[in-house]
Amino acid sequence: MEYNYSNNSTDTIIVTSPACYVCKEDNKIIVDKSKYESWNSGTLLIQDAFPFLGPDEREIFMTGIHPKCWDKMFGN
């Protein structure tokens, strides 16, 4: 996963998700840098690092797969 530091003093980063397998689009989200690094290193579970993200948003963050694309791949 790629990330770029933002230009503010809140120590946030812009994270680019992997490209979705189905539609090939990626997503960007602004998160706390230290929480991202803790999750990325395996110290925190994603739901603990980013409690404001729902299950669908966490899936996009981890794999890039959107809910509609997931349904296309695996059905309802």
N, C-alpha and C. Protein backbone atom coordinates (compact mmCIF):
# COMPACT_ATOMS: atom_id res chain seq x y z
N MET A 1 0.85 -1.17 0.00
CA MET A 1 0.00 0.00 0.00
C MET A 1 0.89 1.23 0.00
N GLU A 2 0.52 2.17 -0.76
CA GLU A 2 1.30 3.40 -0.91
C GLU A 2 0.72 4.46 0.02
N TYR A 3 1.61 5.30 0.58
CA TYR A 3 1.08 6.43 1.34
C TYR A 3 1.96 7.65 1.18
N ASN A 4 1.31 8.79 1.32
CA ASN A 4 1.98 10.08 1.19
C ASN A 4 1.63 10.91 2.42
N TYR A 5 2.63 11.60 2.96
CA TYR A 5 2.36 12.45 4.11
C TYR A 5 1.66 13.72 3.68
N SER A 6 0.70 14.14 4.47
CA SER A 6 0.00 15.39 4.17
C SER A 6 0.82 16.56 4.70
N ASN A 7 0.41 17.74 4.34
CA ASN A 7 1.15 18.95 4.72
C ASN A 7 0.51 19.67 5.90
N ASN A 8 0.04 18.92 6.88
CA ASN A 8 -0.53 19.60 8.05
C ASN A 8 0.14 19.09 9.31
N SER A 9 -0.20 19.69 10.42
CA SER A 9 0.47 19.37 11.67
C SER A 9 -0.22 18.27 12.46
N THR A 10 -1.25 17.63 11.91
CA THR A 10 -1.97 16.60 12.66
C THR A 10 -1.37 15.22 12.50
N ASP A 11 -0.29 15.11 11.76
CA ASP A 11 0.41 13.84 11.58
C ASP A 11 -0.49 12.79 10.92
N THR A 12 -1.17 13.20 9.87
CA THR A 12 -2.01 12.28 9.09
C THR A 12 -1.31 11.95 7.78
N ILE A 13 -1.75 10.87 7.18
CA ILE A 13 -1.24 10.47 5.89
C ILE A 13 -2.40 10.14 4.96
N ILE A 14 -2.14 10.21 3.69
CA ILE A 14 -3.11 9.79 2.68
C ILE A 14 -2.67 8.41 2.21
N VAL A 15 -3.55 7.43 2.41
CA VAL A 15 -3.24 6.05 2.03
C VAL A 15 -4.01 5.71 0.77
N THR A 16 -3.33 5.12 -0.19
CA THR A 16 -3.97 4.65 -1.42
C THR A 16 -4.17 3.15 -1.30
N SER A 17 -5.41 2.71 -1.45
CA SER A 17 -5.72 1.28 -1.35
C SER A 17 -5.19 0.54 -2.58
N PRO A 18 -5.09 -0.78 -2.48
CA PRO A 18 -4.79 -1.55 -3.69
C PRO A 18 -5.90 -1.33 -4.72
N ALA A 19 -5.61 -1.54 -5.98
CA ALA A 19 -6.63 -1.43 -7.02
C ALA A 19 -7.61 -2.59 -6.89
N CYS A 20 -8.88 -2.31 -7.06
CA CYS A 20 -9.93 -3.33 -7.00
C CYS A 20 -9.72 -4.34 -8.13
N TYR A 21 -9.88 -5.62 -7.83
CA TYR A 21 -9.70 -6.67 -8.83
C TYR A 21 -10.72 -6.58 -9.96
N VAL A 22 -11.91 -6.07 -9.64
CA VAL A 22 -13.00 -6.06 -10.61
C VAL A 22 -12.98 -4.79 -11.46
N CYS A 23 -13.03 -3.62 -10.80
CA CYS A 23 -13.16 -2.36 -11.55
C CYS A 23 -11.83 -1.64 -11.74
N LYS A 24 -10.79 -2.12 -11.10
CA LYS A 24 -9.43 -1.57 -11.23
C LYS A 24 -9.24 -0.18 -10.63
N GLU A 25 -10.21 0.31 -9.87
CA GLU A 25 -10.09 1.62 -9.22
C GLU A 25 -9.43 1.47 -7.86
N ASP A 26 -8.70 2.51 -7.45
CA ASP A 26 -8.17 2.53 -6.09
C ASP A 26 -8.91 3.62 -5.32
N ASN A 27 -8.67 3.70 -4.04
CA ASN A 27 -9.30 4.68 -3.18
C ASN A 27 -8.24 5.32 -2.31
N LYS A 28 -8.53 6.51 -1.84
CA LYS A 28 -7.62 7.21 -0.95
C LYS A 28 -8.37 7.55 0.34
N ILE A 29 -7.66 7.44 1.45
CA ILE A 29 -8.26 7.78 2.73
C ILE A 29 -7.20 8.46 3.59
N ILE A 30 -7.61 9.44 4.36
CA ILE A 30 -6.71 10.14 5.27
C ILE A 30 -6.84 9.50 6.64
N VAL A 31 -5.70 9.06 7.18
CA VAL A 31 -5.70 8.42 8.50
C VAL A 31 -4.52 8.92 9.33
N ASP A 32 -4.57 8.64 10.61
CA ASP A 32 -3.48 8.97 11.52
C ASP A 32 -2.26 8.12 11.18
N LYS A 33 -1.12 8.76 11.02
CA LYS A 33 0.10 8.07 10.60
C LYS A 33 0.50 6.97 11.59
N SER A 34 0.49 7.26 12.87
CA SER A 34 0.94 6.26 13.85
C SER A 34 -0.01 5.06 13.89
N LYS A 35 -1.31 5.30 13.74
CA LYS A 35 -2.27 4.18 13.72
C LYS A 35 -2.06 3.33 12.46
N TYR A 36 -1.82 4.00 11.33
CA TYR A 36 -1.56 3.26 10.09
C TYR A 36 -0.32 2.39 10.24
N GLU A 37 0.75 2.96 10.78
CA GLU A 37 1.99 2.21 10.94
C GLU A 37 1.81 1.04 11.90
N SER A 38 1.01 1.24 12.97
CA SER A 38 0.73 0.14 13.90
C SER A 38 -0.06 -0.97 13.23
N TRP A 39 -1.05 -0.59 12.44
CA TRP A 39 -1.83 -1.60 11.71
C TRP A 39 -0.96 -2.29 10.66
N ASN A 40 -0.21 -1.53 9.91
CA ASN A 40 0.61 -2.07 8.82
C ASN A 40 1.69 -3.03 9.35
N SER A 41 2.18 -2.80 10.56
CA SER A 41 3.20 -3.66 11.15
C SER A 41 2.61 -4.87 11.86
N GLY A 42 1.28 -4.89 12.00
CA GLY A 42 0.63 -6.02 12.66
C GLY A 42 0.42 -5.82 14.15
N THR A 43 0.75 -4.64 14.67
CA THR A 43 0.58 -4.36 16.10
C THR A 43 -0.89 -4.16 16.47
N LEU A 44 -1.67 -3.54 15.58
CA LEU A 44 -3.09 -3.31 15.82
C LEU A 44 -3.93 -3.99 14.74
N LEU A 45 -5.09 -4.51 15.15
CA LEU A 45 -6.07 -4.98 14.18
C LEU A 45 -6.68 -3.77 13.49
N ILE A 46 -7.12 -3.95 12.27
CA ILE A 46 -7.65 -2.80 11.51
C ILE A 46 -8.84 -2.16 12.21
N GLN A 47 -9.71 -2.96 12.84
CA GLN A 47 -10.88 -2.38 13.51
C GLN A 47 -10.48 -1.58 14.75
N ASP A 48 -9.32 -1.90 15.33
CA ASP A 48 -8.83 -1.13 16.48
C ASP A 48 -8.08 0.13 16.03
N ALA A 49 -7.37 0.03 14.94
CA ALA A 49 -6.63 1.18 14.43
C ALA A 49 -7.56 2.23 13.84
N PHE A 50 -8.63 1.77 13.17
CA PHE A 50 -9.55 2.67 12.47
C PHE A 50 -10.99 2.33 12.81
N PRO A 51 -11.42 2.58 14.05
CA PRO A 51 -12.78 2.22 14.47
C PRO A 51 -13.87 2.98 13.72
N PHE A 52 -13.50 4.07 13.07
CA PHE A 52 -14.47 4.87 12.32
C PHE A 52 -14.81 4.24 10.97
N LEU A 53 -14.06 3.21 10.53
CA LEU A 53 -14.34 2.53 9.27
C LEU A 53 -15.27 1.36 9.52
N GLY A 54 -16.29 1.22 8.68
CA GLY A 54 -17.18 0.06 8.75
C GLY A 54 -16.53 -1.13 8.06
N PRO A 55 -17.14 -2.30 8.14
CA PRO A 55 -16.58 -3.50 7.51
C PRO A 55 -16.32 -3.35 6.01
N ASP A 56 -17.24 -2.74 5.28
CA ASP A 56 -17.06 -2.55 3.84
C ASP A 56 -15.88 -1.62 3.56
N GLU A 57 -15.77 -0.56 4.36
CA GLU A 57 -14.67 0.38 4.18
C GLU A 57 -13.32 -0.25 4.53
N ARG A 58 -13.31 -1.11 5.56
CA ARG A 58 -12.07 -1.80 5.91
C ARG A 58 -11.65 -2.74 4.79
N GLU A 59 -12.61 -3.40 4.15
CA GLU A 59 -12.29 -4.28 3.03
C GLU A 59 -11.67 -3.50 1.88
N ILE A 60 -12.24 -2.35 1.57
CA ILE A 60 -11.66 -1.49 0.53
C ILE A 60 -10.25 -1.10 0.92
N PHE A 61 -10.06 -0.72 2.16
CA PHE A 61 -8.76 -0.27 2.66
C PHE A 61 -7.72 -1.39 2.53
N MET A 62 -8.11 -2.63 2.85
CA MET A 62 -7.16 -3.74 2.84
C MET A 62 -6.94 -4.34 1.46
N THR A 63 -8.03 -4.53 0.70
CA THR A 63 -7.92 -5.26 -0.56
C THR A 63 -8.27 -4.44 -1.79
N GLY A 64 -8.97 -3.31 -1.58
CA GLY A 64 -9.40 -2.49 -2.69
C GLY A 64 -10.75 -2.90 -3.25
N ILE A 65 -11.31 -4.01 -2.79
CA ILE A 65 -12.55 -4.54 -3.35
C ILE A 65 -13.76 -3.79 -2.78
N HIS A 66 -14.56 -3.21 -3.66
CA HIS A 66 -15.77 -2.48 -3.28
C HIS A 66 -16.91 -3.47 -3.01
N PRO A 67 -17.91 -3.09 -2.22
CA PRO A 67 -19.02 -3.99 -1.94
C PRO A 67 -19.72 -4.50 -3.21
N LYS A 68 -19.97 -3.63 -4.17
CA LYS A 68 -20.64 -4.06 -5.41
C LYS A 68 -19.74 -5.01 -6.20
N CYS A 69 -18.45 -4.76 -6.18
CA CYS A 69 -17.51 -5.64 -6.89
C CYS A 69 -17.42 -6.99 -6.19
N TRP A 70 -17.47 -6.99 -4.86
CA TRP A 70 -17.48 -8.23 -4.08
C TRP A 70 -18.68 -9.08 -4.49
N ASP A 71 -19.84 -8.42 -4.59
CA ASP A 71 -21.05 -9.13 -5.00
C ASP A 71 -20.91 -9.71 -6.40
N LYS A 72 -20.26 -8.99 -7.31
CA LYS A 72 -20.05 -9.50 -8.67
C LYS A 72 -19.16 -10.74 -8.63
N MET A 73 -18.17 -10.73 -7.75
CA MET A 73 -17.22 -11.84 -7.69
C MET A 73 -17.83 -13.07 -6.99
N PHE A 74 -18.57 -12.84 -5.90
CA PHE A 74 -19.00 -13.94 -5.05
C PHE A 74 -20.52 -14.09 -4.90
N GLY A 75 -21.28 -13.16 -5.46
CA GLY A 75 -22.73 -13.21 -5.31
C GLY A 75 -23.15 -12.71 -3.94
N ASN A 76 -24.45 -12.65 -3.73
CA ASN A 76 -24.99 -12.15 -2.45
C ASN A 76 -25.00 -13.21 -1.40
